[in-house]
């Protein structure tokens, strides 16, 4: 299971880096979001993929999942949502003012 998760994480990071290196602002924002999802899966995998439920009954020693990675992932999801919303508003405003979403045109590089 860890091998499959490692492959999926690698694919997500690869797709995210490809999107971040593009010239479109929307693709860059999507790439950052995909990298954040890959990071969430990485944290979940590092926490251990154990089966079992939380220890609700005393005296029974069962294997249970660690709640710390889950709390970290929940926090990361909220931060990623806020960052994505901010970047989308920033991209919308720059498109409304400048009329383009191409990063080279936003920097002032002319086509030669």
PDB file of N, CA and C in Angstrom:
ATOM      1  N   UNK A   1       0.822  -1.196   0.000  1.00  0.00           N
ATOM      2  CA  UNK A   1       0.000   0.000   0.000  1.00  0.00           C
ATOM      3  C   UNK A   1       0.868   1.262   0.000  1.00  0.00           C
ATOM      4  N   UNK A   2       1.983   1.215   0.739  1.00  0.00           N
ATOM      5  CA  UNK A   2       2.862   2.379   0.764  1.00  0.00           C
ATOM      6  C   UNK A   2       3.491   2.638  -0.601  1.00  0.00           C
ATOM      7  N   UNK A   3       3.768   1.564  -1.343  1.00  0.00           N
ATOM      8  CA  UNK A   3       4.354   1.730  -2.672  1.00  0.00           C
ATOM      9  C   UNK A   3       3.372   2.422  -3.611  1.00  0.00           C
ATOM     10  N   UNK A   4       2.117   2.018  -3.554  1.00  0.00           N
ATOM     11  CA  UNK A   4       1.096   2.658  -4.380  1.00  0.00           C
ATOM     12  C   UNK A   4       0.938   4.130  -4.007  1.00  0.00           C
ATOM     13  N   UNK A   5       0.938   4.417  -2.717  1.00  0.00           N
ATOM     14  CA  UNK A   5       0.819   5.807  -2.274  1.00  0.00           C
ATOM     15  C   UNK A   5       2.023   6.630  -2.723  1.00  0.00           C
ATOM     16  N   UNK A   6       3.222   6.032  -2.676  1.00  0.00           N
ATOM     17  CA  UNK A   6       4.421   6.751  -3.119  1.00  0.00           C
ATOM     18  C   UNK A   6       4.341   7.077  -4.608  1.00  0.00           C
ATOM     19  N   UNK A   7       3.818   6.150  -5.391  1.00  0.00           N
ATOM     20  CA  UNK A   7       3.665   6.397  -6.831  1.00  0.00           C
ATOM     21  C   UNK A   7       2.642   7.506  -7.077  1.00  0.00           C
ATOM     22  N   UNK A   8       1.532   7.469  -6.364  1.00  0.00           N
ATOM     23  CA  UNK A   8       0.498   8.495  -6.525  1.00  0.00           C
ATOM     24  C   UNK A   8       1.027   9.862  -6.100  1.00  0.00           C
ATOM     25  N   UNK A   9       1.777   9.904  -4.997  1.00  0.00           N
ATOM     26  CA  UNK A   9       2.358  11.165  -4.532  1.00  0.00           C
ATOM     27  C   UNK A   9       3.335  11.711  -5.566  1.00  0.00           C
ATOM     28  N   UNK A  10       4.154  10.841  -6.131  1.00  0.00           N
ATOM     29  CA  UNK A  10       5.094  11.273  -7.165  1.00  0.00           C
ATOM     30  C   UNK A  10       4.393  11.815  -8.391  1.00  0.00           C
ATOM     31  N   UNK A  11       3.303  11.163  -8.789  1.00  0.00           N
ATOM     32  CA  UNK A  11       2.532  11.637  -9.943  1.00  0.00           C
ATOM     33  C   UNK A  11       1.912  13.003  -9.651  1.00  0.00           C
ATOM     34  N   UNK A  12       1.368  13.180  -8.442  1.00  0.00           N
ATOM     35  CA  UNK A  12       0.774  14.470  -8.087  1.00  0.00           C
ATOM     36  C   UNK A  12       1.820  15.583  -8.076  1.00  0.00           C
ATOM     37  N   UNK A  13       2.995  15.303  -7.505  1.00  0.00           N
ATOM     38  CA  UNK A  13       4.051  16.315  -7.498  1.00  0.00           C
ATOM     39  C   UNK A  13       4.520  16.643  -8.914  1.00  0.00           C
ATOM     40  N   UNK A  14       4.617  15.628  -9.769  1.00  0.00           N
ATOM     41  CA  UNK A  14       5.043  15.855 -11.147  1.00  0.00           C
ATOM     42  C   UNK A  14       4.036  16.720 -11.899  1.00  0.00           C
ATOM     43  N   UNK A  15       2.757  16.401 -11.756  1.00  0.00           N
ATOM     44  CA  UNK A  15       1.716  17.202 -12.406  1.00  0.00           C
ATOM     45  C   UNK A  15       1.721  18.628 -11.858  1.00  0.00           C
ATOM     46  N   UNK A  16       1.877  18.760 -10.544  1.00  0.00           N
ATOM     47  CA  UNK A  16       1.898  20.086  -9.932  1.00  0.00           C
ATOM     48  C   UNK A  16       3.058  20.939 -10.405  1.00  0.00           C
ATOM     49  N   UNK A  17       4.250  20.352 -10.484  1.00  0.00           N
ATOM     50  CA  UNK A  17       5.415  21.109 -10.954  1.00  0.00           C
ATOM     51  C   UNK A  17       5.246  21.494 -12.420  1.00  0.00           C
ATOM     52  N   UNK A  18       4.699  20.589 -13.226  1.00  0.00           N
ATOM     53  CA  UNK A  18       4.450  20.903 -14.640  1.00  0.00           C
ATOM     54  C   UNK A  18       3.493  22.087 -14.767  1.00  0.00           C
ATOM     55  N   UNK A  19       2.441  22.098 -13.959  1.00  0.00           N
ATOM     56  CA  UNK A  19       1.476  23.193 -14.032  1.00  0.00           C
ATOM     57  C   UNK A  19       2.060  24.502 -13.509  1.00  0.00           C
ATOM     58  N   UNK A  20       2.885  24.433 -12.472  1.00  0.00           N
ATOM     59  CA  UNK A  20       3.479  25.648 -11.915  1.00  0.00           C
ATOM     60  C   UNK A  20       4.450  26.290 -12.911  1.00  0.00           C
ATOM     61  N   UNK A  21       5.092  25.490 -13.740  1.00  0.00           N
ATOM     62  CA  UNK A  21       6.061  26.021 -14.697  1.00  0.00           C
ATOM     63  C   UNK A  21       5.422  26.556 -15.979  1.00  0.00           C
ATOM     64  N   UNK A  22       4.099  26.548 -16.069  1.00  0.00           N
ATOM     65  CA  UNK A  22       3.436  27.061 -17.269  1.00  0.00           C
ATOM     66  C   UNK A  22       3.306  28.585 -17.195  1.00  0.00           C
ATOM     67  N   UNK A  23       2.786  29.177 -18.255  1.00  0.00           N
ATOM     68  CA  UNK A  23       2.696  30.637 -18.344  1.00  0.00           C
ATOM     69  C   UNK A  23       1.341  31.190 -17.920  1.00  0.00           C
ATOM     70  N   UNK A  24       0.367  30.332 -17.710  1.00  0.00           N
ATOM     71  CA  UNK A  24      -0.983  30.769 -17.368  1.00  0.00           C
ATOM     72  C   UNK A  24      -1.140  30.853 -15.849  1.00  0.00           C
ATOM     73  N   UNK A  25      -1.753  31.940 -15.388  1.00  0.00           N
ATOM     74  CA  UNK A  25      -1.955  32.102 -13.947  1.00  0.00           C
ATOM     75  C   UNK A  25      -2.871  31.023 -13.373  1.00  0.00           C
ATOM     76  N   UNK A  26      -3.911  30.653 -14.107  1.00  0.00           N
ATOM     77  CA  UNK A  26      -4.826  29.630 -13.606  1.00  0.00           C
ATOM     78  C   UNK A  26      -4.135  28.276 -13.486  1.00  0.00           C
ATOM     79  N   UNK A  27      -3.267  27.953 -14.439  1.00  0.00           N
ATOM     80  CA  UNK A  27      -2.524  26.697 -14.339  1.00  0.00           C
ATOM     81  C   UNK A  27      -1.560  26.719 -13.161  1.00  0.00           C
ATOM     82  N   UNK A  28      -0.969  27.861 -12.890  1.00  0.00           N
ATOM     83  CA  UNK A  28      -0.068  27.979 -11.741  1.00  0.00           C
ATOM     84  C   UNK A  28      -0.839  27.761 -10.445  1.00  0.00           C
ATOM     85  N   UNK A  29      -2.020  28.343 -10.351  1.00  0.00           N
ATOM     86  CA  UNK A  29      -2.839  28.174  -9.147  1.00  0.00           C
ATOM     87  C   UNK A  29      -3.263  26.715  -8.990  1.00  0.00           C
ATOM     88  N   UNK A  30      -3.670  26.079 -10.084  1.00  0.00           N
ATOM     89  CA  UNK A  30      -4.028  24.655 -10.024  1.00  0.00           C
ATOM     90  C   UNK A  30      -2.823  23.797  -9.651  1.00  0.00           C
ATOM     91  N   UNK A  31      -1.646  24.151 -10.149  1.00  0.00           N
ATOM     92  CA  UNK A  31      -0.435  23.409  -9.812  1.00  0.00           C
ATOM     93  C   UNK A  31      -0.098  23.496  -8.336  1.00  0.00           C
ATOM     94  N   UNK A  32      -0.253  24.679  -7.756  1.00  0.00           N
ATOM     95  CA  UNK A  32      -0.013  24.836  -6.321  1.00  0.00           C
ATOM     96  C   UNK A  32      -0.997  23.987  -5.530  1.00  0.00           C
ATOM     97  N   UNK A  33      -2.239  23.950  -5.972  1.00  0.00           N
ATOM     98  CA  UNK A  33      -3.252  23.145  -5.292  1.00  0.00           C
ATOM     99  C   UNK A  33      -2.952  21.650  -5.399  1.00  0.00           C
ATOM    100  N   UNK A  34      -2.505  21.199  -6.565  1.00  0.00           N
ATOM    101  CA  UNK A  34      -2.176  19.779  -6.745  1.00  0.00           C
ATOM    102  C   UNK A  34      -0.965  19.398  -5.891  1.00  0.00           C
ATOM    103  N   UNK A  35       0.027  20.279  -5.804  1.00  0.00           N
ATOM    104  CA  UNK A  35       1.185  20.016  -4.943  1.00  0.00           C
ATOM    105  C   UNK A  35       0.751  19.937  -3.481  1.00  0.00           C
ATOM    106  N   UNK A  36      -0.189  20.786  -3.080  1.00  0.00           N
ATOM    107  CA  UNK A  36      -0.687  20.738  -1.703  1.00  0.00           C
ATOM    108  C   UNK A  36      -1.406  19.421  -1.427  1.00  0.00           C
ATOM    109  N   UNK A  37      -2.161  18.914  -2.395  1.00  0.00           N
ATOM    110  CA  UNK A  37      -2.822  17.618  -2.214  1.00  0.00           C
ATOM    111  C   UNK A  37      -1.794  16.491  -2.122  1.00  0.00           C
ATOM    112  N   UNK A  38      -0.743  16.577  -2.919  1.00  0.00           N
ATOM    113  CA  UNK A  38       0.331  15.589  -2.823  1.00  0.00           C
ATOM    114  C   UNK A  38       1.018  15.629  -1.470  1.00  0.00           C
ATOM    115  N   UNK A  39       1.195  16.826  -0.933  1.00  0.00           N
ATOM    116  CA  UNK A  39       1.792  16.966   0.395  1.00  0.00           C
ATOM    117  C   UNK A  39       0.884  16.371   1.464  1.00  0.00           C
ATOM    118  N   UNK A  40      -0.424  16.567   1.324  1.00  0.00           N
ATOM    119  CA  UNK A  40      -1.361  15.970   2.280  1.00  0.00           C
ATOM    120  C   UNK A  40      -1.283  14.448   2.251  1.00  0.00           C
ATOM    121  N   UNK A  41      -1.205  13.874   1.066  1.00  0.00           N
ATOM    122  CA  UNK A  41      -1.053  12.417   0.966  1.00  0.00           C
ATOM    123  C   UNK A  41       0.274  11.955   1.549  1.00  0.00           C
ATOM    124  N   UNK A  42       1.326  12.755   1.363  1.00  0.00           N
ATOM    125  CA  UNK A  42       2.629  12.419   1.924  1.00  0.00           C
ATOM    126  C   UNK A  42       2.577  12.395   3.448  1.00  0.00           C
ATOM    127  N   UNK A  43       1.931  13.383   4.046  1.00  0.00           N
ATOM    128  CA  UNK A  43       1.799  13.417   5.510  1.00  0.00           C
ATOM    129  C   UNK A  43       0.982  12.231   5.993  1.00  0.00           C
ATOM    130  N   UNK A  44      -0.092  11.904   5.285  1.00  0.00           N
ATOM    131  CA  UNK A  44      -0.922  10.763   5.664  1.00  0.00           C
ATOM    132  C   UNK A  44      -0.132   9.462   5.582  1.00  0.00           C
ATOM    133  N   UNK A  45       0.668   9.309   4.544  1.00  0.00           N
ATOM    134  CA  UNK A  45       1.462   8.095   4.383  1.00  0.00           C
ATOM    135  C   UNK A  45       2.561   8.013   5.433  1.00  0.00           C
ATOM    136  N   UNK A  46       3.172   9.151   5.764  1.00  0.00           N
ATOM    137  CA  UNK A  46       4.216   9.145   6.789  1.00  0.00           C
ATOM    138  C   UNK A  46       3.650   8.806   8.161  1.00  0.00           C
ATOM    139  N   UNK A  47       2.379   9.128   8.386  1.00  0.00           N
ATOM    140  CA  UNK A  47       1.742   8.808   9.657  1.00  0.00           C
ATOM    141  C   UNK A  47       1.494   7.323   9.831  1.00  0.00           C
ATOM    142  N   UNK A  48       1.622   6.566   8.785  1.00  0.00           N
ATOM    143  CA  UNK A  48       1.408   5.119   8.865  1.00  0.00           C
ATOM    144  C   UNK A  48       0.020   4.754   8.403  1.00  0.00           C
ATOM    145  N   UNK A  49      -0.051   3.783   7.527  1.00  0.00           N
ATOM    146  CA  UNK A  49      -1.337   3.331   7.010  1.00  0.00           C
ATOM    147  C   UNK A  49      -1.759   2.097   7.794  1.00  0.00           C
ATOM    148  N   UNK A  50      -2.280   2.315   8.982  1.00  0.00           N
ATOM    149  CA  UNK A  50      -2.703   1.216   9.844  1.00  0.00           C
ATOM    150  C   UNK A  50      -4.209   1.037   9.739  1.00  0.00           C
ATOM    151  N   UNK A  51      -4.637  -0.178   9.976  1.00  0.00           N
ATOM    152  CA  UNK A  51      -6.071  -0.432  10.024  1.00  0.00           C
ATOM    153  C   UNK A  51      -6.501  -0.527  11.476  1.00  0.00           C
ATOM    154  N   UNK A  52      -7.743  -0.265  11.724  1.00  0.00           N
ATOM    155  CA  UNK A  52      -8.260  -0.330  13.081  1.00  0.00           C
ATOM    156  C   UNK A  52      -8.979   0.955  13.424  1.00  0.00           C
ATOM    157  N   UNK A  53      -9.679   0.935  14.528  1.00  0.00           N
ATOM    158  CA  UNK A  53     -10.430   2.095  14.958  1.00  0.00           C
ATOM    159  C   UNK A  53      -9.784   2.752  16.158  1.00  0.00           C
ATOM    160  N   UNK A  54     -10.308   3.884  16.567  1.00  0.00           N
ATOM    161  CA  UNK A  54      -9.766   4.558  17.741  1.00  0.00           C
ATOM    162  C   UNK A  54     -10.075   3.767  19.007  1.00  0.00           C
ATOM    163  N   UNK A  55      -9.241   3.879  20.027  1.00  0.00           N
ATOM    164  CA  UNK A  55      -9.456   3.110  21.257  1.00  0.00           C
ATOM    165  C   UNK A  55     -10.594   3.694  22.092  1.00  0.00           C
ATOM    166  N   UNK A  56     -11.806   3.239  21.834  1.00  0.00           N
ATOM    167  CA  UNK A  56     -12.960   3.743  22.568  1.00  0.00           C
ATOM    168  C   UNK A  56     -13.234   2.940  23.835  1.00  0.00           C
ATOM    169  N   UNK A  57     -12.813   1.700  23.856  1.00  0.00           N
ATOM    170  CA  UNK A  57     -13.044   0.854  25.013  1.00  0.00           C
ATOM    171  C   UNK A  57     -11.749   0.697  25.797  1.00  0.00           C
ATOM    172  N   UNK A  58     -11.842   0.828  27.111  1.00  0.00           N
ATOM    173  CA  UNK A  58     -10.648   0.697  27.942  1.00  0.00           C
ATOM    174  C   UNK A  58     -10.305  -0.772  28.128  1.00  0.00           C
ATOM    175  N   UNK A  59      -9.041  -1.043  28.233  1.00  0.00           N
ATOM    176  CA  UNK A  59      -8.592  -2.397  28.495  1.00  0.00           C
ATOM    177  C   UNK A  59      -8.364  -3.233  27.256  1.00  0.00           C
ATOM    178  N   UNK A  60      -8.769  -2.765  26.119  1.00  0.00           N
ATOM    179  CA  UNK A  60      -8.565  -3.510  24.884  1.00  0.00           C
ATOM    180  C   UNK A  60      -7.462  -2.800  24.106  1.00  0.00           C
ATOM    181  N   UNK A  61      -6.388  -3.512  23.835  1.00  0.00           N
ATOM    182  CA  UNK A  61      -5.277  -2.898  23.107  1.00  0.00           C
ATOM    183  C   UNK A  61      -5.395  -3.264  21.628  1.00  0.00           C
ATOM    184  N   UNK A  62      -5.945  -2.373  20.872  1.00  0.00           N
ATOM    185  CA  UNK A  62      -6.068  -2.535  19.429  1.00  0.00           C
ATOM    186  C   UNK A  62      -5.154  -1.524  18.750  1.00  0.00           C
ATOM    187  N   UNK A  63      -4.783  -1.823  17.539  1.00  0.00           N
ATOM    188  CA  UNK A  63      -4.028  -0.825  16.784  1.00  0.00           C
ATOM    189  C   UNK A  63      -4.998   0.257  16.318  1.00  0.00           C
ATOM    190  N   UNK A  64      -4.570   1.494  16.391  1.00  0.00           N
ATOM    191  CA  UNK A  64      -5.430   2.599  15.985  1.00  0.00           C
ATOM    192  C   UNK A  64      -4.606   3.606  15.196  1.00  0.00           C
ATOM    193  N   UNK A  65      -5.307   4.411  14.456  1.00  0.00           N
ATOM    194  CA  UNK A  65      -4.620   5.412  13.644  1.00  0.00           C
ATOM    195  C   UNK A  65      -4.212   6.595  14.510  1.00  0.00           C
ATOM    196  N   UNK A  66      -3.101   7.191  14.150  1.00  0.00           N
ATOM    197  CA  UNK A  66      -2.586   8.339  14.879  1.00  0.00           C
ATOM    198  C   UNK A  66      -3.376   9.586  14.476  1.00  0.00           C
ATOM    199  N   UNK A  67      -3.950  10.318  15.428  1.00  0.00           N
ATOM    200  CA  UNK A  67      -4.759  11.481  15.057  1.00  0.00           C
ATOM    201  C   UNK A  67      -3.936  12.713  14.679  1.00  0.00           C
ATOM    202  N   UNK A  68      -2.637  12.745  14.998  1.00  0.00           N
ATOM    203  CA  UNK A  68      -1.833  13.928  14.701  1.00  0.00           C
ATOM    204  C   UNK A  68      -1.696  14.203  13.204  1.00  0.00           C
ATOM    205  N   UNK A  69      -1.355  13.206  12.367  1.00  0.00           N
ATOM    206  CA  UNK A  69      -1.305  13.509  10.929  1.00  0.00           C
ATOM    207  C   UNK A  69      -2.653  13.945  10.364  1.00  0.00           C
ATOM    208  N   UNK A  70      -3.724  13.394  10.897  1.00  0.00           N
ATOM    209  CA  UNK A  70      -5.047  13.795  10.419  1.00  0.00           C
ATOM    210  C   UNK A  70      -5.337  15.251  10.774  1.00  0.00           C
ATOM    211  N   UNK A  71      -4.923  15.677  11.967  1.00  0.00           N
ATOM    212  CA  UNK A  71      -5.107  17.076  12.357  1.00  0.00           C
ATOM    213  C   UNK A  71      -4.237  18.000  11.506  1.00  0.00           C
ATOM    214  N   UNK A  72      -3.010  17.570  11.211  1.00  0.00           N
ATOM    215  CA  UNK A  72      -2.136  18.369  10.353  1.00  0.00           C
ATOM    216  C   UNK A  72      -2.714  18.499   8.948  1.00  0.00           C
ATOM    217  N   UNK A  73      -3.272  17.412   8.435  1.00  0.00           N
ATOM    218  CA  UNK A  73      -3.849  17.438   7.092  1.00  0.00           C
ATOM    219  C   UNK A  73      -5.080  18.338   7.058  1.00  0.00           C
ATOM    220  N   UNK A  74      -5.903  18.282   8.087  1.00  0.00           N
ATOM    221  CA  UNK A  74      -7.080  19.146   8.139  1.00  0.00           C
ATOM    222  C   UNK A  74      -6.671  20.616   8.157  1.00  0.00           C
ATOM    223  N   UNK A  75      -5.644  20.940   8.929  1.00  0.00           N
ATOM    224  CA  UNK A  75      -5.134  22.310   8.956  1.00  0.00           C
ATOM    225  C   UNK A  75      -4.569  22.706   7.599  1.00  0.00           C
ATOM    226  N   UNK A  76      -3.844  21.793   6.955  1.00  0.00           N
ATOM    227  CA  UNK A  76      -3.271  22.085   5.639  1.00  0.00           C
ATOM    228  C   UNK A  76      -4.357  22.288   4.591  1.00  0.00           C
ATOM    229  N   UNK A  77      -5.454  21.549   4.691  1.00  0.00           N
ATOM    230  CA  UNK A  77      -6.557  21.718   3.742  1.00  0.00           C
ATOM    231  C   UNK A  77      -7.182  23.102   3.893  1.00  0.00           C
ATOM    232  N   UNK A  78      -7.363  23.549   5.123  1.00  0.00           N
ATOM    233  CA  UNK A  78      -7.945  24.873   5.360  1.00  0.00           C
ATOM    234  C   UNK A  78      -7.011  25.968   4.842  1.00  0.00           C
ATOM    235  N   UNK A  79      -5.716  25.838   5.112  1.00  0.00           N
ATOM    236  CA  UNK A  79      -4.747  26.826   4.633  1.00  0.00           C
ATOM    237  C   UNK A  79      -4.695  26.820   3.108  1.00  0.00           C
ATOM    238  N   UNK A  80      -4.736  25.629   2.506  1.00  0.00           N
ATOM    239  CA  UNK A  80      -4.721  25.531   1.042  1.00  0.00           C
ATOM    240  C   UNK A  80      -5.967  26.178   0.437  1.00  0.00           C
ATOM    241  N   UNK A  81      -7.113  25.994   1.063  1.00  0.00           N
ATOM    242  CA  UNK A  81      -8.340  26.625   0.568  1.00  0.00           C
ATOM    243  C   UNK A  81      -8.229  28.144   0.620  1.00  0.00           C
ATOM    244  N   UNK A  82      -7.713  28.671   1.725  1.00  0.00           N
ATOM    245  CA  UNK A  82      -7.567  30.123   1.852  1.00  0.00           C
ATOM    246  C   UNK A  82      -6.566  30.663   0.834  1.00  0.00           C
ATOM    247  N   UNK A  83      -5.459  29.959   0.645  1.00  0.00           N
ATOM    248  CA  UNK A  83      -4.454  30.387  -0.328  1.00  0.00           C
ATOM    249  C   UNK A  83      -5.011  30.348  -1.747  1.00  0.00           C
ATOM    250  N   UNK A  84      -5.748  29.295  -2.075  1.00  0.00           N
ATOM    251  CA  UNK A  84      -6.334  29.184  -3.410  1.00  0.00           C
ATOM    252  C   UNK A  84      -7.358  30.287  -3.650  1.00  0.00           C
ATOM    253  N   UNK A  85      -8.184  30.571  -2.658  1.00  0.00           N
ATOM    254  CA  UNK A  85      -9.171  31.646  -2.803  1.00  0.00           C
ATOM    255  C   UNK A  85      -8.482  32.992  -2.997  1.00  0.00           C
ATOM    256  N   UNK A  86      -7.425  33.249  -2.226  1.00  0.00           N
ATOM    257  CA  UNK A  86      -6.689  34.507  -2.371  1.00  0.00           C
ATOM    258  C   UNK A  86      -6.045  34.619  -3.750  1.00  0.00           C
ATOM    259  N   UNK A  87      -5.423  33.535  -4.208  1.00  0.00           N
ATOM    260  CA  UNK A  87      -4.765  33.565  -5.515  1.00  0.00           C
ATOM    261  C   UNK A  87      -5.771  33.717  -6.656  1.00  0.00           C
ATOM    262  N   UNK A  88      -6.946  33.103  -6.519  1.00  0.00           N
ATOM    263  CA  UNK A  88      -7.970  33.262  -7.555  1.00  0.00           C
ATOM    264  C   UNK A  88      -8.480  34.698  -7.625  1.00  0.00           C
ATOM    265  N   UNK A  89      -8.676  35.324  -6.475  1.00  0.00           N
ATOM    266  CA  UNK A  89      -9.104  36.725  -6.464  1.00  0.00           C
ATOM    267  C   UNK A  89      -8.005  37.614  -7.034  1.00  0.00           C
ATOM    268  N   UNK A  90      -6.756  37.325  -6.689  1.00  0.00           N
ATOM    269  CA  UNK A  90      -5.636  38.101  -7.219  1.00  0.00           C
ATOM    270  C   UNK A  90      -5.527  37.949  -8.738  1.00  0.00           C
ATOM    271  N   UNK A  91      -5.708  36.726  -9.234  1.00  0.00           N
ATOM    272  CA  UNK A  91      -5.664  36.496 -10.681  1.00  0.00           C
ATOM    273  C   UNK A  91      -6.838  37.183 -11.377  1.00  0.00           C
ATOM    274  N   UNK A  92      -8.009  37.156 -10.760  1.00  0.00           N
ATOM    275  CA  UNK A  92      -9.175  37.821 -11.347  1.00  0.00           C
ATOM    276  C   UNK A  92      -8.948  39.329 -11.448  1.00  0.00           C
ATOM    277  N   UNK A  93      -8.410  39.911 -10.374  1.00  0.00           N
ATOM    278  CA  UNK A  93      -8.159  41.356 -10.383  1.00  0.00           C
ATOM    279  C   UNK A  93      -7.098  41.735 -11.413  1.00  0.00           C
ATOM    280  N   UNK A  94      -6.055  40.934 -11.514  1.00  0.00           N
ATOM    281  CA  UNK A  94      -5.014  41.252 -12.496  1.00  0.00           C
ATOM    282  C   UNK A  94      -5.548  41.090 -13.920  1.00  0.00           C
ATOM    283  N   UNK A  95      -6.429  40.114 -14.133  1.00  0.00           N
ATOM    284  CA  UNK A  95      -7.037  39.961 -15.458  1.00  0.00           C
ATOM    285  C   UNK A  95      -7.988  41.120 -15.757  1.00  0.00           C
ATOM    286  N   UNK A  96      -8.725  41.567 -14.740  1.00  0.00           N
ATOM    287  CA  UNK A  96      -9.660  42.672 -14.950  1.00  0.00           C
ATOM    288  C   UNK A  96      -8.925  43.978 -15.244  1.00  0.00           C
ATOM    289  N   UNK A  97      -7.794  44.191 -14.594  1.00  0.00           N
ATOM    290  CA  UNK A  97      -7.061  45.443 -14.782  1.00  0.00           C
ATOM    291  C   UNK A  97      -6.197  45.404 -16.037  1.00  0.00           C
ATOM    292  N   UNK A  98      -5.469  44.308 -16.232  1.00  0.00           N
ATOM    293  CA  UNK A  98      -4.494  44.245 -17.317  1.00  0.00           C
ATOM    294  C   UNK A  98      -5.008  43.533 -18.564  1.00  0.00           C
ATOM    295  N   UNK A  99      -6.044  42.720 -18.434  1.00  0.00           N
ATOM    296  CA  UNK A  99      -6.623  42.055 -19.589  1.00  0.00           C
ATOM    297  C   UNK A  99      -5.880  40.825 -20.067  1.00  0.00           C
ATOM    298  N   UNK A 100      -5.004  40.275 -19.264  1.00  0.00           N
ATOM    299  CA  UNK A 100      -4.277  39.071 -19.658  1.00  0.00           C
ATOM    300  C   UNK A 100      -3.979  38.222 -18.428  1.00  0.00           C
ATOM    301  N   UNK A 101      -3.791  36.929 -18.685  1.00  0.00           N
ATOM    302  CA  UNK A 101      -3.380  36.038 -17.609  1.00  0.00           C
ATOM    303  C   UNK A 101      -2.018  35.416 -17.882  1.00  0.00           C
ATOM    304  N   UNK A 102      -1.397  35.820 -18.977  1.00  0.00           N
ATOM    305  CA  UNK A 102      -0.082  35.326 -19.343  1.00  0.00           C
ATOM    306  C   UNK A 102       0.964  36.003 -18.462  1.00  0.00           C
ATOM    307  N   UNK A 103       1.807  35.210 -17.812  1.00  0.00           N
ATOM    308  CA  UNK A 103       2.774  35.777 -16.872  1.00  0.00           C
ATOM    309  C   UNK A 103       3.855  36.586 -17.574  1.00  0.00           C
ATOM    310  N   UNK A 104       4.196  36.228 -18.805  1.00  0.00           N
ATOM    311  CA  UNK A 104       5.197  37.017 -19.524  1.00  0.00           C
ATOM    312  C   UNK A 104       4.656  38.400 -19.875  1.00  0.00           C
ATOM    313  N   UNK A 105       3.395  38.470 -20.238  1.00  0.00           N
ATOM    314  CA  UNK A 105       2.798  39.779 -20.534  1.00  0.00           C
ATOM    315  C   UNK A 105       2.590  40.582 -19.255  1.00  0.00           C
ATOM    316  N   UNK A 106       2.347  39.909 -18.144  1.00  0.00           N
ATOM    317  CA  UNK A 106       2.204  40.613 -16.875  1.00  0.00           C
ATOM    318  C   UNK A 106       3.526  41.228 -16.434  1.00  0.00           C
ATOM    319  N   UNK A 107       4.640  40.581 -16.774  1.00  0.00           N
ATOM    320  CA  UNK A 107       5.958  41.119 -16.430  1.00  0.00           C
ATOM    321  C   UNK A 107       6.410  42.193 -17.400  1.00  0.00           C
ATOM    322  N   UNK A 108       5.735  42.335 -18.520  1.00  0.00           N
ATOM    323  CA  UNK A 108       6.085  43.361 -19.486  1.00  0.00           C
ATOM    324  C   UNK A 108       7.026  42.887 -20.568  1.00  0.00           C
ATOM    325  N   UNK A 109       7.192  41.579 -20.717  1.00  0.00           N
ATOM    326  CA  UNK A 109       8.049  41.053 -21.768  1.00  0.00           C
ATOM    327  C   UNK A 109       7.240  41.037 -23.060  1.00  0.00           C
ATOM    328  N   UNK A 110       7.718  41.731 -24.062  1.00  0.00           N
ATOM    329  CA  UNK A 110       7.013  41.802 -25.346  1.00  0.00           C
ATOM    330  C   UNK A 110       7.405  40.638 -26.230  1.00  0.00           C
ATOM    331  N   UNK A 111       6.484  40.245 -27.106  1.00  0.00           N
ATOM    332  CA  UNK A 111       6.790  39.193 -28.077  1.00  0.00           C
ATOM    333  C   UNK A 111       7.722  39.761 -29.138  1.00  0.00           C
ATOM    334  N   UNK A 112       8.797  39.043 -29.385  1.00  0.00           N
ATOM    335  CA  UNK A 112       9.765  39.514 -30.375  1.00  0.00           C
ATOM    336  C   UNK A 112       9.855  38.553 -31.511  1.00  0.00           C
TER     337      UNK A 112
END
